[in-house]
Amino acid sequence: MWLHDIDPIAVALGPLKIHWYGLMYLIGFGSAWYLGNRRARKAGSGWNEQQVSDLIFWGAIGVVLGGRFGYVLFYNFPQFLDDPLWLFAIWEGGMSFHGGLLGVIAAIGYFAHHYKKGFFAIADFVAPLIPVGLGAGRLGNFIGGELWGRATDQSWGVIFPRAMDGLGRHPSQLYEFALEGVVLFIVLWFYSAKPRPAMAVSGMFLLLYGLFRSCVELFREPDGHIGFVALDWLTMGQLLSLPMIILGAVLVALAYRTSASVKAS
């Protein structure tokens, strides 16, 4: 067992404190900008650096606004009803990936309308850029000692002081880092390196993320104020990931079926 004693504050300048979790957002957006420009420089990509920068800008807004709104709606709506201004208390923490995803989808819709690009042409371009940011965010969760896993007696268990129970727990944040960050990035980056039917890359992202998140939720401690939402094992994270799995599988199947039909004709 290992006692988690990492300082969540990366830099402290008097009253100004910069947390590692905030820096991880910068790493995520910066990596998306770098990887997007790398793809844009390829011949025939249909993208330029200005478009990539604009896409990352609007995507970042979608992540932050959608992530906060999603957390409030999916995980703590009663508190919002008691105190509507709590919605804006971002410094207290509380961001939802699924809400952030909806925010990014909205940003893609705006970008598609503004630049006259197809929705899935943008979604397929941006999907491989996301996992590095997801992985960085999970590292930020681990450093901050939050969103810990369920109790375990395994030797790699971690004692998180913020859990206030002294139990060794699964470092589920690192499991998510490995699957949602490293594995998902490798699969999507190389999968999208070759021409794929429209919707295929986006569908693969939704499918794999939903599966990975659902698996890790088996080791992650449910939110204390929510617990299991059904069957004494189903978590909110799994419930929200189920539509992603279904939609992802449908998009991949539809993408290849449409492509096969076009070739046959």
Protein backbone atom coordinates (compact mmCIF):
# COMPACT_ATOMS: atom_id res chain seq x y z
CA MET A 1 0.00 0.00 0.00
CA TRP A 2 1.11 3.56 -0.66
CA LEU A 3 -0.04 6.68 1.14
CA HIS A 4 -1.00 9.40 -1.32
CA ASP A 5 0.81 12.56 -0.22
CA ILE A 6 1.26 14.49 -3.49
CA ASP A 7 0.73 18.23 -3.23
CA PRO A 8 -2.06 19.16 -5.67
CA ILE A 9 -0.64 22.69 -5.96
CA ALA A 10 2.01 22.95 -8.66
CA VAL A 11 2.97 26.59 -8.11
CA ALA A 12 2.15 28.93 -5.24
CA LEU A 13 2.89 32.65 -5.63
CA GLY A 14 1.50 34.27 -2.53
CA PRO A 15 -2.30 34.02 -2.67
CA LEU A 16 -2.11 32.74 -6.26
CA LYS A 17 -2.14 28.96 -6.42
CA ILE A 18 -1.92 26.97 -9.61
CA HIS A 19 -3.16 23.41 -9.28
CA TRP A 20 -1.85 20.48 -11.28
CA TYR A 21 -5.38 19.75 -12.46
CA GLY A 22 -5.57 23.17 -14.13
CA LEU A 23 -2.21 22.62 -15.80
CA MET A 24 -3.50 19.33 -17.17
CA TYR A 25 -6.21 21.23 -19.03
CA LEU A 26 -3.49 23.34 -20.66
CA ILE A 27 -1.60 20.18 -21.60
CA GLY A 28 -4.76 18.71 -23.10
CA PHE A 29 -5.58 21.76 -25.22
CA GLY A 30 -1.93 22.28 -26.17
CA SER A 31 -1.52 18.67 -27.30
CA ALA A 32 -4.74 18.86 -29.34
CA TRP A 33 -3.45 22.02 -31.05
CA TYR A 34 -0.07 20.41 -31.80
CA LEU A 35 -1.48 17.12 -33.08
CA GLY A 36 -4.17 18.90 -35.08
CA ASN A 37 -1.61 21.08 -36.85
CA ARG A 38 0.52 18.02 -37.51
CA ARG A 39 -2.40 16.36 -39.26
CA ALA A 40 -3.37 19.60 -41.02
CA ARG A 41 0.07 19.87 -42.66
CA LYS A 42 -0.47 16.62 -44.52
CA ALA A 43 -1.21 17.04 -48.22
CA GLY A 44 -4.91 17.05 -48.97
CA SER A 45 -5.97 17.32 -45.32
CA GLY A 46 -8.40 20.13 -46.08
CA TRP A 47 -7.28 21.96 -42.95
CA ASN A 48 -5.02 24.90 -42.21
CA GLU A 49 -3.45 26.19 -38.99
CA GLN A 50 -6.00 28.96 -38.50
CA GLN A 51 -8.88 26.51 -38.70
CA VAL A 52 -7.18 24.19 -36.21
CA SER A 53 -6.61 27.06 -33.78
CA ASP A 54 -10.24 28.16 -34.07
CA LEU A 55 -11.45 24.60 -33.59
CA ILE A 56 -9.36 24.15 -30.43
CA PHE A 57 -10.56 27.51 -29.10
CA TRP A 58 -14.25 26.70 -29.51
CA GLY A 59 -13.65 23.14 -28.38
CA ALA A 60 -12.03 24.40 -25.17
CA ILE A 61 -15.06 26.59 -24.46
CA GLY A 62 -17.31 23.60 -25.09
CA VAL A 63 -15.28 21.42 -22.72
CA VAL A 64 -15.35 23.91 -19.86
CA LEU A 65 -18.98 25.03 -20.18
CA GLY A 66 -20.32 21.61 -21.10
CA GLY A 67 -18.24 19.90 -18.42
CA ARG A 68 -19.57 22.18 -15.71
CA PHE A 69 -23.19 22.12 -16.90
CA GLY A 70 -22.98 18.35 -17.27
CA TYR A 71 -21.68 17.85 -13.75
CA VAL A 72 -24.44 20.01 -12.32
CA LEU A 73 -27.14 18.29 -14.39
CA PHE A 74 -25.99 14.67 -14.12
CA TYR A 75 -24.31 14.55 -10.72
CA ASN A 76 -25.56 17.31 -8.43
CA PHE A 77 -28.77 18.87 -9.75
CA PRO A 78 -30.42 19.12 -6.29
CA GLN A 79 -27.61 21.40 -5.08
CA PHE A 80 -28.14 23.61 -8.13
CA LEU A 81 -31.84 23.86 -7.29
CA ASP A 82 -30.94 24.91 -3.74
CA ASP A 83 -28.31 27.40 -4.91
CA PRO A 84 -28.41 28.29 -8.65
CA LEU A 85 -25.28 30.46 -8.34
CA TRP A 86 -23.33 27.31 -7.40
CA LEU A 87 -23.31 26.59 -11.13
CA PHE A 88 -20.60 29.22 -11.52
CA ALA A 89 -18.46 28.05 -8.57
CA ILE A 90 -16.00 26.25 -10.83
CA TRP A 91 -13.19 26.73 -8.30
CA GLU A 92 -14.97 24.27 -6.02
CA GLY A 93 -14.46 21.52 -8.59
CA GLY A 94 -16.97 19.41 -10.44
CA MET A 95 -16.60 18.65 -14.15
CA SER A 96 -18.24 15.90 -16.18
CA PHE A 97 -16.66 14.24 -19.20
CA HIS A 98 -20.03 13.45 -20.71
CA GLY A 99 -21.12 17.07 -20.30
CA GLY A 100 -17.84 18.20 -21.82
CA LEU A 101 -18.45 15.86 -24.76
CA LEU A 102 -21.84 17.45 -25.37
CA GLY A 103 -20.15 20.84 -25.23
CA VAL A 104 -17.60 19.75 -27.83
CA ILE A 105 -20.38 18.41 -30.06
CA ALA A 106 -22.08 21.81 -29.85
CA ALA A 107 -18.77 23.51 -30.68
CA ILE A 108 -18.31 21.22 -33.70
CA GLY A 109 -21.82 22.10 -34.87
CA TYR A 110 -21.00 25.83 -34.67
CA PHE A 111 -17.64 25.31 -36.38
CA ALA A 112 -19.24 23.26 -39.16
CA HIS A 113 -21.77 26.02 -39.83
CA HIS A 114 -19.16 28.80 -39.72
CA TYR A 115 -16.58 27.09 -41.95
CA LYS A 116 -19.03 25.23 -44.17
CA LYS A 117 -17.50 21.86 -43.32
CA GLY A 118 -19.33 18.60 -42.79
CA PHE A 119 -20.07 17.76 -39.15
CA PHE A 120 -18.44 14.35 -39.29
CA ALA A 121 -15.49 15.64 -41.29
CA ILE A 122 -14.72 17.78 -38.24
CA ALA A 123 -15.64 15.14 -35.67
CA ASP A 124 -13.44 12.53 -37.38
CA PHE A 125 -10.57 15.03 -37.45
CA VAL A 126 -10.86 16.02 -33.79
CA ALA A 127 -11.56 12.59 -32.22
CA PRO A 128 -7.91 11.37 -32.25
CA LEU A 129 -6.81 14.66 -30.63
CA ILE A 130 -8.91 14.16 -27.49
CA PRO A 131 -7.37 11.15 -25.65
CA VAL A 132 -4.14 12.92 -24.64
CA GLY A 133 -6.22 15.52 -22.84
CA LEU A 134 -8.34 12.81 -21.23
CA GLY A 135 -5.21 11.06 -19.98
CA ALA A 136 -3.78 14.31 -18.64
CA GLY A 137 -7.02 15.02 -16.83
CA ARG A 138 -6.96 11.62 -15.14
CA LEU A 139 -3.38 12.24 -14.00
CA GLY A 140 -4.64 15.51 -12.57
CA ASN A 141 -7.36 13.60 -10.69
CA PHE A 142 -4.74 11.24 -9.26
CA ILE A 143 -2.37 14.02 -8.22
CA GLY A 144 -5.28 15.83 -6.59
CA GLY A 145 -6.26 12.66 -4.73
CA GLU A 146 -9.85 12.75 -6.01
CA LEU A 147 -12.21 10.34 -7.77
CA TRP A 148 -10.48 7.40 -6.12
CA GLY A 149 -11.28 3.73 -6.59
CA ARG A 150 -13.02 1.16 -4.46
CA ALA A 151 -11.35 -0.51 -1.50
CA THR A 152 -8.78 -3.20 -2.28
CA ASP A 153 -6.16 -5.24 -0.43
CA GLN A 154 -3.90 -5.47 -3.49
CA SER A 155 -0.30 -4.33 -3.05
CA TRP A 156 -0.75 -1.50 -5.53
CA GLY A 157 -3.62 -0.03 -3.54
CA VAL A 158 -3.35 3.63 -2.57
CA ILE A 159 -4.52 5.26 0.66
CA PHE A 160 -6.15 8.57 -0.25
CA PRO A 161 -6.30 10.87 2.80
CA ARG A 162 -9.31 12.72 1.38
CA ALA A 163 -11.30 9.46 1.56
CA MET A 164 -10.91 9.75 5.36
CA ASP A 165 -11.19 6.02 5.99
CA GLY A 166 -7.58 4.81 5.80
CA LEU A 167 -8.47 2.08 3.32
CA GLY A 168 -6.27 1.04 0.43
CA ARG A 169 -8.07 1.80 -2.79
CA HIS A 170 -7.72 1.09 -6.49
CA PRO A 171 -5.90 3.97 -8.22
CA SER A 172 -8.74 4.02 -10.73
CA GLN A 173 -7.57 7.41 -12.02
CA LEU A 174 -4.44 5.65 -13.34
CA TYR A 175 -6.53 2.87 -14.88
CA GLU A 176 -8.47 5.56 -16.74
CA PHE A 177 -5.24 7.29 -17.71
CA ALA A 178 -3.99 4.05 -19.25
CA LEU A 179 -7.20 3.16 -21.11
CA GLU A 180 -8.84 6.51 -21.94
CA GLY A 181 -5.52 8.26 -22.48
CA VAL A 182 -2.77 5.95 -23.72
CA VAL A 183 -4.64 3.03 -25.31
CA LEU A 184 -7.42 5.14 -26.84
CA PHE A 185 -4.89 7.57 -28.31
CA ILE A 186 -2.75 4.82 -29.86
CA VAL A 187 -5.75 3.06 -31.39
CA LEU A 188 -7.40 6.21 -32.77
CA TRP A 189 -4.19 7.85 -33.98
CA PHE A 190 -3.13 4.87 -36.07
CA TYR A 191 -6.70 3.94 -37.07
CA SER A 192 -7.26 7.45 -38.43
CA ALA A 193 -3.86 7.61 -40.12
CA LYS A 194 -5.40 5.83 -43.13
CA PRO A 195 -8.50 7.00 -45.00
CA ARG A 196 -11.65 5.80 -43.27
CA PRO A 197 -15.33 6.19 -44.16
CA ALA A 198 -17.02 9.26 -42.73
CA MET A 199 -18.26 8.65 -39.16
CA ALA A 200 -15.94 5.68 -38.60
CA VAL A 201 -13.33 7.49 -36.50
CA SER A 202 -15.96 9.35 -34.47
CA GLY A 203 -17.86 6.12 -33.92
CA MET A 204 -14.72 4.29 -32.85
CA PHE A 205 -13.99 7.02 -30.30
CA LEU A 206 -17.46 6.81 -28.79
CA LEU A 207 -17.46 3.02 -28.75
CA LEU A 208 -14.03 2.56 -27.18
CA TYR A 209 -14.34 5.36 -24.65
CA GLY A 210 -17.72 4.06 -23.54
CA LEU A 211 -16.34 0.54 -23.11
CA PHE A 212 -13.18 1.68 -21.32
CA ARG A 213 -15.06 3.98 -18.98
CA SER A 214 -17.63 1.31 -18.17
CA CYS A 215 -14.87 -1.18 -17.31
CA VAL A 216 -12.99 1.22 -15.04
CA GLU A 217 -16.22 2.16 -13.27
CA LEU A 218 -16.16 -1.39 -11.84
CA PHE A 219 -13.11 -0.31 -9.82
CA ARG A 220 -14.05 3.33 -9.17
CA GLU A 221 -15.89 4.41 -6.04
CA PRO A 222 -19.32 5.80 -6.96
CA ASP A 223 -20.00 9.42 -6.03
CA GLY A 224 -20.98 9.44 -2.36
CA HIS A 225 -24.10 11.53 -2.82
CA ILE A 226 -25.33 9.31 -5.69
CA GLY A 227 -24.07 5.78 -5.04
CA PHE A 228 -25.23 3.08 -7.45
CA VAL A 229 -28.07 4.21 -9.68
CA ALA A 230 -29.48 0.69 -10.27
CA LEU A 231 -28.99 -3.02 -9.59
CA ASP A 232 -26.48 -2.32 -6.78
CA TRP A 233 -23.65 -2.10 -9.31
CA LEU A 234 -24.61 0.32 -12.12
CA THR A 235 -22.94 3.72 -11.71
CA MET A 236 -23.84 7.07 -13.24
CA GLY A 237 -20.66 6.89 -15.33
CA GLN A 238 -21.75 3.56 -16.82
CA LEU A 239 -25.27 4.80 -17.40
CA LEU A 240 -24.00 7.84 -19.29
CA SER A 241 -21.52 5.72 -21.25
CA LEU A 242 -24.14 3.26 -22.49
CA PRO A 243 -25.53 5.64 -25.16
CA MET A 244 -21.95 6.27 -26.31
CA ILE A 245 -21.36 2.55 -26.81
CA ILE A 246 -24.59 2.08 -28.74
CA LEU A 247 -24.18 5.21 -30.87
CA GLY A 248 -20.51 4.44 -31.52
CA ALA A 249 -21.29 0.91 -32.73
CA VAL A 250 -24.10 2.24 -34.94
CA LEU A 251 -21.86 4.92 -36.48
CA VAL A 252 -19.05 2.46 -37.26
CA ALA A 253 -21.45 -0.07 -38.80
CA LEU A 254 -23.26 2.64 -40.77
CA ALA A 255 -19.97 4.14 -41.97
CA TYR A 256 -18.72 0.88 -43.46
CA ARG A 257 -22.12 -0.13 -44.80
CA THR A 258 -22.48 3.21 -46.56
CA SER A 259 -18.94 2.94 -47.91
CA ALA A 260 -19.57 -0.58 -49.19
CA SER A 261 -22.79 0.54 -50.87
CA VAL A 262 -21.02 3.41 -52.62
CA LYS A 263 -18.26 1.11 -53.88
CA ALA A 264 -20.78 -1.45 -55.08
CA SER A 265 -22.69 1.16 -57.04
